[in-house]
C-alpha atoms as a PDB file:
ATOM      1  CA  THR A   1      66.023-116.740-105.183  1.00  0.00           C
ATOM      2  CA  LEU A   2      65.973-113.774-107.636  1.00  0.00           C
ATOM      3  CA  LEU A   3      69.619-113.640-106.310  1.00  0.00           C
ATOM      4  CA  ALA A   4      70.395-116.846-107.214  1.00  0.00           C
ATOM      5  CA  LEU A   5      69.288-116.379-110.569  1.00  0.00           C
ATOM      6  CA  ARG A   6      70.967-112.918-111.183  1.00  0.00           C
ATOM      7  CA  LYS A   7      74.222-114.678-110.015  1.00  0.00           C
ATOM      8  CA  LEU A   8      73.529-117.588-112.480  1.00  0.00           C
ATOM      9  CA  ARG A   9      72.930-115.059-115.435  1.00  0.00           C
ATOM     10  CA  THR A  10      76.685-113.450-114.356  1.00  0.00           C
ATOM     11  CA  ARG A  11      78.183-116.731-114.353  1.00  0.00           C
ATOM     12  CA  LEU A  12      76.716-117.411-117.923  1.00  0.00           C
ATOM     13  CA  TYR A  13      78.001-114.208-119.102  1.00  0.00           C
ATOM     14  CA  ARG A  14      81.372-114.625-117.561  1.00  0.00           C
ATOM     15  CA  LEU A  15      81.703-118.031-119.167  1.00  0.00           C
ATOM     16  CA  PHE A  16      80.745-116.658-122.490  1.00  0.00           C
ATOM     17  CA  ALA A  17      83.243-113.903-122.486  1.00  0.00           C
ATOM     18  CA  ASP A  18      86.192-116.365-121.204  1.00  0.00           C
ATOM     19  CA  SER A  19      88.716-116.228-124.302  1.00  0.00           C
ATOM     20  CA  THR A  20      90.466-119.180-122.874  1.00  0.00           C
ATOM     21  CA  LEU A  21      87.470-121.418-123.536  1.00  0.00           C
ATOM     22  CA  SER A  22      86.918-122.477-126.893  1.00  0.00           C
ATOM     23  CA  ASP A  23      83.203-122.374-127.983  1.00  0.00           C
ATOM     24  CA  GLU A  24      82.941-126.407-127.693  1.00  0.00           C
ATOM     25  CA  GLU A  25      84.254-126.148-124.318  1.00  0.00           C
ATOM     26  CA  LYS A  26      81.548-123.111-123.415  1.00  0.00           C
ATOM     27  CA  GLU A  27      78.687-125.281-125.172  1.00  0.00           C
ATOM     28  CA  ALA A  28      79.768-127.957-122.974  1.00  0.00           C
ATOM     29  CA  ARG A  29      79.941-126.197-119.773  1.00  0.00           C
ATOM     30  CA  VAL A  30      76.741-124.467-120.485  1.00  0.00           C
ATOM     31  CA  ILE A  31      74.790-127.744-120.963  1.00  0.00           C
ATOM     32  CA  ALA A  32      76.625-129.458-117.769  1.00  0.00           C
ATOM     33  CA  MET A  33      75.237-126.298-115.960  1.00  0.00           C
ATOM     34  CA  LEU A  34      71.501-127.213-117.019  1.00  0.00           C
ATOM     35  CA  ARG A  35      71.956-130.654-116.371  1.00  0.00           C
ATOM     36  CA  ASP A  36      73.024-129.756-112.880  1.00  0.00           C
ATOM     37  CA  THR A  37      69.816-127.907-111.930  1.00  0.00           C
ATOM     38  CA  ALA A  38      67.833-129.573-109.244  1.00  0.00           C
ATOM     39  CA  ASP A  39      64.334-130.942-109.947  1.00  0.00           C
ATOM     40  CA  ASP A  40      62.338-128.267-107.866  1.00  0.00           C
ATOM     41  CA  ASP A  41      60.895-124.943-108.675  1.00  0.00           C
ATOM     42  CA  LEU A  42      64.099-122.841-108.228  1.00  0.00           C
ATOM     43  CA  GLY A  43      65.655-125.691-110.708  1.00  0.00           C
ATOM     44  CA  ALA A  44      63.322-125.093-113.166  1.00  0.00           C
ATOM     45  CA  ALA A  45      63.684-121.321-113.100  1.00  0.00           C
ATOM     46  CA  ALA A  46      67.331-122.236-113.559  1.00  0.00           C
ATOM     47  CA  ARG A  47      66.793-123.947-116.313  1.00  0.00           C
ATOM     48  CA  LYS A  48      64.528-121.567-117.889  1.00  0.00           C
ATOM     49  CA  THR A  49      67.311-118.589-117.415  1.00  0.00           C
ATOM     50  CA  ILE A  50      69.793-121.063-118.925  1.00  0.00           C
ATOM     51  CA  ALA A  51      67.456-121.963-122.111  1.00  0.00           C
ATOM     52  CA  GLN A  52      66.847-118.172-122.715  1.00  0.00           C
ATOM     53  CA  PHE A  53      70.766-117.641-122.270  1.00  0.00           C
ATOM     54  CA  ILE A  54      71.501-120.491-125.224  1.00  0.00           C
ATOM     55  CA  ALA A  55      68.915-118.848-127.361  1.00  0.00           C
ATOM     56  CA  THR A  56      70.064-115.380-127.325  1.00  0.00           C
ATOM     57  CA  GLU A  57      73.921-115.791-126.863  1.00  0.00           C
ATOM     58  CA  MET A  58      74.644-119.309-128.437  1.00  0.00           C
ATOM     59  CA  PRO A  59      71.889-120.321-130.989  1.00  0.00           C
ATOM     60  CA  SER A  60      73.748-122.605-132.814  1.00  0.00           C
ATOM     61  CA  THR A  61      73.664-124.799-129.327  1.00  0.00           C
ATOM     62  CA  VAL A  62      71.299-128.101-129.495  1.00  0.00           C
ATOM     63  CA  LEU A  63      69.407-128.623-125.856  1.00  0.00           C
ATOM     64  CA  PRO A  64      69.481-132.170-124.588  1.00  0.00           C
END
């Protein structure tokens, strides 16, 4: 599970650094990742990781 969360963080930072995407596209993709998490303990950990990323890197993004 720690490896999965590490990979998730890497995906988030790569997405954030992708200069081919607009800020709106990045936001939409991150929100989609948040919505696609499972309803179990690992999903909860993933949502926490994504929420922390949003708070740090995309503070103007409103969580659903």
